[in-house]
Amino acid sequence: MKPIHIAIALMFVLTSCKKETSEQTIVAPPEKELKQPESIQEKVAYAYGIDQWVNVKQVDFSFVVNPGEQEFVRRWSWQPKLKLISLIKEDDTLTYNRNDIKEELVQTDKGFVNDSFWLLFPFHLVWDDVEIETFEDQTSPILNQSSTKLNVIYPAEGGYTPGDRYEVYVNDTYHILEWTYHRGGGEEVSLGNTFEKQQTFSGITIDMEHANPETGFQLNFRDVVIK
């Protein structure tokens, strides 16, 4: 992948792909058991273990873009019940509470919101205030697999990146094959990638790798612990 493509990919995944203000509770939703899934977005969330979220006390993970010699890494420890976030660096750890995000912490919080969104995207289909349109018998653009497409539309106002849209391709077991991200809801694809290498932690399934062979984009998760 050419350097310009690396820069573009980093720009999108490090500064976008999620909308949330400090007042919202999307990444620490109310602790309640969901009813049996009826809509396709609920079935996707259940396929990834959302019914186990009520038991989660801590989530640790590393968000890795362009893994290898020139990789970019952010390491997080998150206590959702307490809304405590820690950004863990080699020589320091920065901890803050999402109920009290000071101005100097906004950029850090944007990073956390983005990275945790990638980690738990299937849950956001039911956690977030989104409009979802469903299209059956679609072919996913990267893997060329038969799927159901969910057109996921975020509100035009509010949050860090309002108006974003995702086209999410789901297989017949309600797992995500891939998505395309449309910044600001535009028709042009800002980023497209697969959802691969699933692993399960305390009943919650994570897609550990995201890639696009055509552009060379790659994003991985490491050091995942859910307890």
C-alpha atoms as a PDB file:
ATOM      1  CA  MET A   1       0.000   0.000   0.000  1.00  0.00           C
ATOM      2  CA  LYS A   2       1.310   3.410  -0.933  1.00  0.00           C
ATOM      3  CA  PRO A   3       2.053   5.893   1.905  1.00  0.00           C
ATOM      4  CA  ILE A   4      -0.841   8.140   0.864  1.00  0.00           C
ATOM      5  CA  HIS A   5      -3.233   5.219   1.325  1.00  0.00           C
ATOM      6  CA  ILE A   6      -1.815   4.544   4.781  1.00  0.00           C
ATOM      7  CA  ALA A   7      -2.350   8.175   5.720  1.00  0.00           C
ATOM      8  CA  ILE A   8      -5.935   8.156   4.477  1.00  0.00           C
ATOM      9  CA  ALA A   9      -6.756   4.942   6.313  1.00  0.00           C
ATOM     10  CA  LEU A  10      -5.251   6.234   9.536  1.00  0.00           C
ATOM     11  CA  MET A  11      -7.204   9.475   9.228  1.00  0.00           C
ATOM     12  CA  PHE A  12     -10.513   7.637   8.994  1.00  0.00           C
ATOM     13  CA  VAL A  13      -9.972   5.056  11.727  1.00  0.00           C
ATOM     14  CA  LEU A  14      -8.244   7.354  14.203  1.00  0.00           C
ATOM     15  CA  THR A  15     -10.565  10.350  13.958  1.00  0.00           C
ATOM     16  CA  SER A  16     -13.903   9.051  12.732  1.00  0.00           C
ATOM     17  CA  CYS A  17     -16.233   6.051  12.416  1.00  0.00           C
ATOM     18  CA  LYS A  18     -18.177   6.903  15.576  1.00  0.00           C
ATOM     19  CA  LYS A  19     -20.470   9.558  16.876  1.00  0.00           C
ATOM     20  CA  GLU A  20     -20.975  10.226  20.540  1.00  0.00           C
ATOM     21  CA  THR A  21     -21.028  13.140  22.922  1.00  0.00           C
ATOM     22  CA  SER A  22     -19.889  12.958  26.517  1.00  0.00           C
ATOM     23  CA  GLU A  23     -23.520  13.065  27.633  1.00  0.00           C
ATOM     24  CA  GLN A  24     -24.502   9.910  25.767  1.00  0.00           C
ATOM     25  CA  THR A  25     -24.310   6.476  27.359  1.00  0.00           C
ATOM     26  CA  ILE A  26     -23.849   4.447  24.208  1.00  0.00           C
ATOM     27  CA  VAL A  27     -20.550   2.842  25.225  1.00  0.00           C
ATOM     28  CA  ALA A  28     -21.852   2.149  28.746  1.00  0.00           C
ATOM     29  CA  PRO A  29     -25.521   1.277  28.113  1.00  0.00           C
ATOM     30  CA  PRO A  30     -28.112   0.665  30.837  1.00  0.00           C
ATOM     31  CA  GLU A  31     -27.782  -2.722  32.472  1.00  0.00           C
ATOM     32  CA  LYS A  32     -30.896  -4.547  31.410  1.00  0.00           C
ATOM     33  CA  GLU A  33     -31.615  -7.834  29.743  1.00  0.00           C
ATOM     34  CA  LEU A  34     -32.799  -7.542  26.174  1.00  0.00           C
ATOM     35  CA  LYS A  35     -35.933  -9.287  25.024  1.00  0.00           C
ATOM     36  CA  GLN A  36     -35.582 -12.139  22.573  1.00  0.00           C
ATOM     37  CA  PRO A  37     -34.285 -10.761  19.286  1.00  0.00           C
ATOM     38  CA  GLU A  38     -36.830  -9.918  16.616  1.00  0.00           C
ATOM     39  CA  SER A  39     -35.247  -7.411  14.235  1.00  0.00           C
ATOM     40  CA  ILE A  40     -32.192  -8.359  12.210  1.00  0.00           C
ATOM     41  CA  GLN A  41     -30.022  -5.869  14.128  1.00  0.00           C
ATOM     42  CA  GLU A  42     -31.046  -7.534  17.394  1.00  0.00           C
ATOM     43  CA  LYS A  43     -30.214 -10.943  15.930  1.00  0.00           C
ATOM     44  CA  VAL A  44     -26.764  -9.665  14.938  1.00  0.00           C
ATOM     45  CA  ALA A  45     -26.159  -8.280  18.429  1.00  0.00           C
ATOM     46  CA  TYR A  46     -27.243 -11.573  20.001  1.00  0.00           C
ATOM     47  CA  ALA A  47     -25.012 -13.549  17.648  1.00  0.00           C
ATOM     48  CA  TYR A  48     -22.094 -11.587  19.100  1.00  0.00           C
ATOM     49  CA  GLY A  49     -23.186 -12.105  22.727  1.00  0.00           C
ATOM     50  CA  ILE A  50     -24.886  -8.885  23.748  1.00  0.00           C
ATOM     51  CA  ASP A  51     -26.889 -10.801  26.337  1.00  0.00           C
ATOM     52  CA  GLN A  52     -23.597 -11.311  28.221  1.00  0.00           C
ATOM     53  CA  TRP A  53     -22.800  -7.594  28.382  1.00  0.00           C
ATOM     54  CA  VAL A  54     -24.668  -7.162  31.671  1.00  0.00           C
ATOM     55  CA  ASN A  55     -21.957  -9.292  33.326  1.00  0.00           C
ATOM     56  CA  VAL A  56     -18.988  -7.330  31.996  1.00  0.00           C
ATOM     57  CA  LYS A  57     -16.931  -5.379  34.533  1.00  0.00           C
ATOM     58  CA  GLN A  58     -13.800  -4.659  32.518  1.00  0.00           C
ATOM     59  CA  VAL A  59     -12.680  -4.634  28.892  1.00  0.00           C
ATOM     60  CA  ASP A  60      -8.998  -4.413  27.951  1.00  0.00           C
ATOM     61  CA  PHE A  61      -7.809  -4.222  24.356  1.00  0.00           C
ATOM     62  CA  SER A  62      -5.183  -2.856  22.002  1.00  0.00           C
ATOM     63  CA  PHE A  63      -6.299  -1.155  18.780  1.00  0.00           C
ATOM     64  CA  VAL A  64      -3.672  -1.734  16.092  1.00  0.00           C
ATOM     65  CA  VAL A  65      -3.601  -0.087  12.656  1.00  0.00           C
ATOM     66  CA  ASN A  66      -1.166  -1.263   9.978  1.00  0.00           C
ATOM     67  CA  PRO A  67       0.273  -4.065  12.154  1.00  0.00           C
ATOM     68  CA  GLY A  68       3.961  -4.622  11.639  1.00  0.00           C
ATOM     69  CA  GLU A  69       7.035  -2.436  11.751  1.00  0.00           C
ATOM     70  CA  GLN A  70       5.121   0.836  11.228  1.00  0.00           C
ATOM     71  CA  GLU A  71       2.049  -0.016  13.277  1.00  0.00           C
ATOM     72  CA  PHE A  72       0.012   2.465  15.290  1.00  0.00           C
ATOM     73  CA  VAL A  73      -1.256   1.166  18.655  1.00  0.00           C
ATOM     74  CA  ARG A  74      -3.614   2.485  21.320  1.00  0.00           C
ATOM     75  CA  ARG A  75      -4.091   0.351  24.429  1.00  0.00           C
ATOM     76  CA  TRP A  76      -7.206   0.770  26.570  1.00  0.00           C
ATOM     77  CA  SER A  77      -8.639  -0.497  29.844  1.00  0.00           C
ATOM     78  CA  TRP A  78     -12.343   0.240  30.299  1.00  0.00           C
ATOM     79  CA  GLN A  79     -14.664  -0.301  33.260  1.00  0.00           C
ATOM     80  CA  PRO A  80     -18.108   0.278  31.692  1.00  0.00           C
ATOM     81  CA  LYS A  81     -20.105   0.083  34.925  1.00  0.00           C
ATOM     82  CA  LEU A  82     -17.978   2.866  36.430  1.00  0.00           C
ATOM     83  CA  LYS A  83     -17.480   4.671  33.091  1.00  0.00           C
ATOM     84  CA  LEU A  84     -13.741   4.711  33.765  1.00  0.00           C
ATOM     85  CA  ILE A  85     -11.377   4.779  30.793  1.00  0.00           C
ATOM     86  CA  SER A  86      -7.602   4.337  30.897  1.00  0.00           C
ATOM     87  CA  LEU A  87      -5.292   5.000  27.961  1.00  0.00           C
ATOM     88  CA  ILE A  88      -2.178   2.955  28.705  1.00  0.00           C
ATOM     89  CA  LYS A  89       1.098   4.230  27.291  1.00  0.00           C
ATOM     90  CA  GLU A  90       4.632   2.910  27.692  1.00  0.00           C
ATOM     91  CA  ASP A  91       5.589   5.528  30.257  1.00  0.00           C
ATOM     92  CA  ASP A  92       2.218   6.703  31.591  1.00  0.00           C
ATOM     93  CA  THR A  93      -1.468   5.858  32.078  1.00  0.00           C
ATOM     94  CA  LEU A  94      -4.188   8.446  31.582  1.00  0.00           C
ATOM     95  CA  THR A  95      -7.487   7.695  33.362  1.00  0.00           C
ATOM     96  CA  TYR A  96     -10.717   9.672  33.150  1.00  0.00           C
ATOM     97  CA  ASN A  97     -14.448   9.284  33.746  1.00  0.00           C
ATOM     98  CA  ARG A  98     -16.821   9.658  30.806  1.00  0.00           C
ATOM     99  CA  ASN A  99     -19.217  11.575  33.052  1.00  0.00           C
ATOM    100  CA  ASP A 100     -16.616  14.307  33.370  1.00  0.00           C
ATOM    101  CA  ILE A 101     -14.684  14.859  30.143  1.00  0.00           C
ATOM    102  CA  LYS A 102     -12.586  17.987  30.442  1.00  0.00           C
ATOM    103  CA  GLU A 103     -11.609  19.941  27.341  1.00  0.00           C
ATOM    104  CA  GLU A 104      -8.067  18.616  27.375  1.00  0.00           C
ATOM    105  CA  LEU A 105      -9.425  15.043  27.296  1.00  0.00           C
ATOM    106  CA  VAL A 106     -11.722  15.428  24.292  1.00  0.00           C
ATOM    107  CA  GLN A 107      -9.175  14.149  21.764  1.00  0.00           C
ATOM    108  CA  THR A 108      -8.390  11.149  23.986  1.00  0.00           C
ATOM    109  CA  ASP A 109     -12.094  10.427  24.331  1.00  0.00           C
ATOM    110  CA  LYS A 110     -12.578  10.616  20.571  1.00  0.00           C
ATOM    111  CA  GLY A 111      -9.901   7.946  20.244  1.00  0.00           C
ATOM    112  CA  PHE A 112     -11.597   5.726  22.803  1.00  0.00           C
ATOM    113  CA  VAL A 113     -15.042   6.165  21.250  1.00  0.00           C
ATOM    114  CA  ASN A 114     -13.649   5.284  17.818  1.00  0.00           C
ATOM    115  CA  ASP A 115     -11.658   2.265  18.985  1.00  0.00           C
ATOM    116  CA  SER A 116     -14.383   0.785  21.202  1.00  0.00           C
ATOM    117  CA  PHE A 117     -16.875   1.291  18.378  1.00  0.00           C
ATOM    118  CA  TRP A 118     -14.758  -0.893  16.096  1.00  0.00           C
ATOM    119  CA  LEU A 119     -14.419  -3.467  18.892  1.00  0.00           C
ATOM    120  CA  LEU A 120     -18.133  -3.751  19.674  1.00  0.00           C
ATOM    121  CA  PHE A 121     -19.797  -2.543  16.499  1.00  0.00           C
ATOM    122  CA  PRO A 122     -22.473  -5.303  16.440  1.00  0.00           C
ATOM    123  CA  PHE A 123     -23.794  -4.064  19.791  1.00  0.00           C
ATOM    124  CA  HIS A 124     -24.050  -0.499  18.524  1.00  0.00           C
ATOM    125  CA  LEU A 125     -26.697  -1.638  16.078  1.00  0.00           C
ATOM    126  CA  VAL A 126     -29.060  -1.796  19.078  1.00  0.00           C
ATOM    127  CA  TRP A 127     -27.341   0.586  21.497  1.00  0.00           C
ATOM    128  CA  ASP A 128     -27.279   3.591  19.191  1.00  0.00           C
ATOM    129  CA  ASP A 129     -30.002   5.878  17.922  1.00  0.00           C
ATOM    130  CA  VAL A 130     -29.824   4.809  14.278  1.00  0.00           C
ATOM    131  CA  GLU A 131     -32.151   4.278  11.354  1.00  0.00           C
ATOM    132  CA  ILE A 132     -31.680   0.892   9.697  1.00  0.00           C
ATOM    133  CA  GLU A 133     -32.845  -0.154   6.246  1.00  0.00           C
ATOM    134  CA  THR A 134     -32.647  -3.824   5.240  1.00  0.00           C
ATOM    135  CA  PHE A 135     -31.914  -5.184   1.758  1.00  0.00           C
ATOM    136  CA  GLU A 136     -32.032  -8.941   1.150  1.00  0.00           C
ATOM    137  CA  ASP A 137     -30.041 -10.962  -1.401  1.00  0.00           C
ATOM    138  CA  GLN A 138     -27.065  -8.620  -1.700  1.00  0.00           C
ATOM    139  CA  THR A 139     -23.488  -9.463  -2.723  1.00  0.00           C
ATOM    140  CA  SER A 140     -20.801  -8.110  -0.440  1.00  0.00           C
ATOM    141  CA  PRO A 141     -18.318  -5.943  -2.392  1.00  0.00           C
ATOM    142  CA  ILE A 142     -15.024  -7.364  -1.071  1.00  0.00           C
ATOM    143  CA  LEU A 143     -15.736 -11.036  -0.378  1.00  0.00           C
ATOM    144  CA  ASN A 144     -18.434 -11.377  -3.053  1.00  0.00           C
ATOM    145  CA  GLN A 145     -20.606 -13.396  -0.704  1.00  0.00           C
ATOM    146  CA  SER A 146     -24.396 -13.586  -0.539  1.00  0.00           C
ATOM    147  CA  SER A 147     -25.641 -11.457   2.328  1.00  0.00           C
ATOM    148  CA  THR A 148     -28.234  -9.143   3.784  1.00  0.00           C
ATOM    149  CA  LYS A 149     -27.241  -5.476   3.667  1.00  0.00           C
ATOM    150  CA  LEU A 150     -28.093  -3.152   6.540  1.00  0.00           C
ATOM    151  CA  ASN A 151     -27.981   0.526   5.667  1.00  0.00           C
ATOM    152  CA  VAL A 152     -27.194   2.080   9.071  1.00  0.00           C
ATOM    153  CA  ILE A 153     -27.819   5.832   9.243  1.00  0.00           C
ATOM    154  CA  TYR A 154     -26.795   8.042  12.164  1.00  0.00           C
ATOM    155  CA  PRO A 155     -28.581  11.309  13.039  1.00  0.00           C
ATOM    156  CA  ALA A 156     -27.474  14.453  11.223  1.00  0.00           C
ATOM    157  CA  GLU A 157     -26.782  16.273  14.491  1.00  0.00           C
ATOM    158  CA  GLY A 158     -24.955  15.421  17.694  1.00  0.00           C
ATOM    159  CA  GLY A 159     -21.827  13.470  18.520  1.00  0.00           C
ATOM    160  CA  TYR A 160     -18.279  13.591  17.208  1.00  0.00           C
ATOM    161  CA  THR A 161     -19.072  12.641  13.594  1.00  0.00           C
ATOM    162  CA  PRO A 162     -22.759  13.320  12.858  1.00  0.00           C
ATOM    163  CA  GLY A 163     -24.552  11.948   9.824  1.00  0.00           C
ATOM    164  CA  ASP A 164     -22.286   8.969   9.166  1.00  0.00           C
ATOM    165  CA  ARG A 165     -23.652   5.961   7.304  1.00  0.00           C
ATOM    166  CA  TYR A 166     -22.563   2.317   7.134  1.00  0.00           C
ATOM    167  CA  GLU A 167     -23.521  -0.411   4.695  1.00  0.00           C
ATOM    168  CA  VAL A 168     -23.155  -3.588   6.743  1.00  0.00           C
ATOM    169  CA  TYR A 169     -23.178  -7.011   5.063  1.00  0.00           C
ATOM    170  CA  VAL A 170     -24.469  -9.868   7.250  1.00  0.00           C
ATOM    171  CA  ASN A 171     -24.437 -13.620   6.560  1.00  0.00           C
ATOM    172  CA  ASP A 172     -27.153 -16.152   7.351  1.00  0.00           C
ATOM    173  CA  THR A 173     -25.793 -16.745  10.876  1.00  0.00           C
ATOM    174  CA  TYR A 174     -26.078 -12.996  11.607  1.00  0.00           C
ATOM    175  CA  HIS A 175     -22.342 -12.403  11.657  1.00  0.00           C
ATOM    176  CA  ILE A 176     -20.871  -9.429   9.844  1.00  0.00           C
ATOM    177  CA  LEU A 177     -18.884 -10.153   6.691  1.00  0.00           C
ATOM    178  CA  GLU A 178     -17.802  -6.582   5.951  1.00  0.00           C
ATOM    179  CA  TRP A 179     -18.925  -2.979   5.860  1.00  0.00           C
ATOM    180  CA  THR A 180     -18.460   0.205   3.891  1.00  0.00           C
ATOM    181  CA  TYR A 181     -18.210   3.475   5.819  1.00  0.00           C
ATOM    182  CA  HIS A 182     -19.643   6.663   4.316  1.00  0.00           C
ATOM    183  CA  ARG A 183     -18.397   9.719   6.163  1.00  0.00           C
ATOM    184  CA  GLY A 184     -21.179  12.257   6.657  1.00  0.00           C
ATOM    185  CA  GLY A 185     -23.624   9.963   4.869  1.00  0.00           C
ATOM    186  CA  GLY A 186     -22.248  10.592   1.380  1.00  0.00           C
ATOM    187  CA  GLU A 187     -22.407   8.151  -1.508  1.00  0.00           C
ATOM    188  CA  GLU A 188     -18.618   7.850  -1.789  1.00  0.00           C
ATOM    189  CA  VAL A 189     -17.070   5.012   0.194  1.00  0.00           C
ATOM    190  CA  SER A 190     -14.654   6.443   2.760  1.00  0.00           C
ATOM    191  CA  LEU A 191     -13.465   3.049   3.968  1.00  0.00           C
ATOM    192  CA  GLY A 192     -14.393  -0.568   3.254  1.00  0.00           C
ATOM    193  CA  ASN A 193     -13.115  -3.637   5.061  1.00  0.00           C
ATOM    194  CA  THR A 194     -13.862  -7.162   6.197  1.00  0.00           C
ATOM    195  CA  PHE A 195     -14.758  -8.501   9.668  1.00  0.00           C
ATOM    196  CA  GLU A 196     -12.653 -11.622  10.307  1.00  0.00           C
ATOM    197  CA  LYS A 197     -10.948 -14.013  12.759  1.00  0.00           C
ATOM    198  CA  GLN A 198     -13.645 -14.188  15.402  1.00  0.00           C
ATOM    199  CA  GLN A 199     -12.703 -15.011  18.982  1.00  0.00           C
ATOM    200  CA  THR A 200     -14.978 -15.227  22.010  1.00  0.00           C
ATOM    201  CA  PHE A 201     -14.175 -13.728  25.406  1.00  0.00           C
ATOM    202  CA  SER A 202     -16.533 -14.355  28.341  1.00  0.00           C
ATOM    203  CA  GLY A 203     -19.344 -15.047  25.900  1.00  0.00           C
ATOM    204  CA  ILE A 204     -18.726 -11.943  23.761  1.00  0.00           C
ATOM    205  CA  THR A 205     -17.481 -12.452  20.214  1.00  0.00           C
ATOM    206  CA  ILE A 206     -14.978 -10.053  18.669  1.00  0.00           C
ATOM    207  CA  ASP A 207     -13.871  -9.784  15.045  1.00  0.00           C
ATOM    208  CA  MET A 208     -10.137  -9.576  15.651  1.00  0.00           C
ATOM    209  CA  GLU A 209      -9.091  -8.518  12.133  1.00  0.00           C
ATOM    210  CA  HIS A 210     -10.386  -6.026   9.576  1.00  0.00           C
ATOM    211  CA  ALA A 211      -8.799  -5.793   6.147  1.00  0.00           C
ATOM    212  CA  ASN A 212      -9.153  -4.700   2.539  1.00  0.00           C
ATOM    213  CA  PRO A 213      -6.845  -6.581   0.151  1.00  0.00           C
ATOM    214  CA  GLU A 214      -7.342  -3.994  -2.598  1.00  0.00           C
ATOM    215  CA  THR A 215      -6.167  -0.993  -0.568  1.00  0.00           C
ATOM    216  CA  GLY A 216      -3.868  -2.829   1.860  1.00  0.00           C
ATOM    217  CA  PHE A 217      -5.813  -1.518   4.861  1.00  0.00           C
ATOM    218  CA  GLN A 218      -5.499  -3.642   7.997  1.00  0.00           C
ATOM    219  CA  LEU A 219      -6.697  -3.156  11.561  1.00  0.00           C
ATOM    220  CA  ASN A 220      -6.281  -5.734  14.326  1.00  0.00           C
ATOM    221  CA  PHE A 221      -7.130  -6.137  17.979  1.00  0.00           C
ATOM    222  CA  ARG A 222      -4.655  -7.550  20.485  1.00  0.00           C
ATOM    223  CA  ASP A 223      -4.488  -8.152  24.227  1.00  0.00           C
ATOM    224  CA  VAL A 224      -8.268  -8.531  24.475  1.00  0.00           C
ATOM    225  CA  VAL A 225      -9.535  -9.415  27.947  1.00  0.00           C
ATOM    226  CA  ILE A 226     -13.205  -9.243  28.930  1.00  0.00           C
ATOM    227  CA  LYS A 227     -14.182 -10.036  32.489  1.00  0.00           C
END
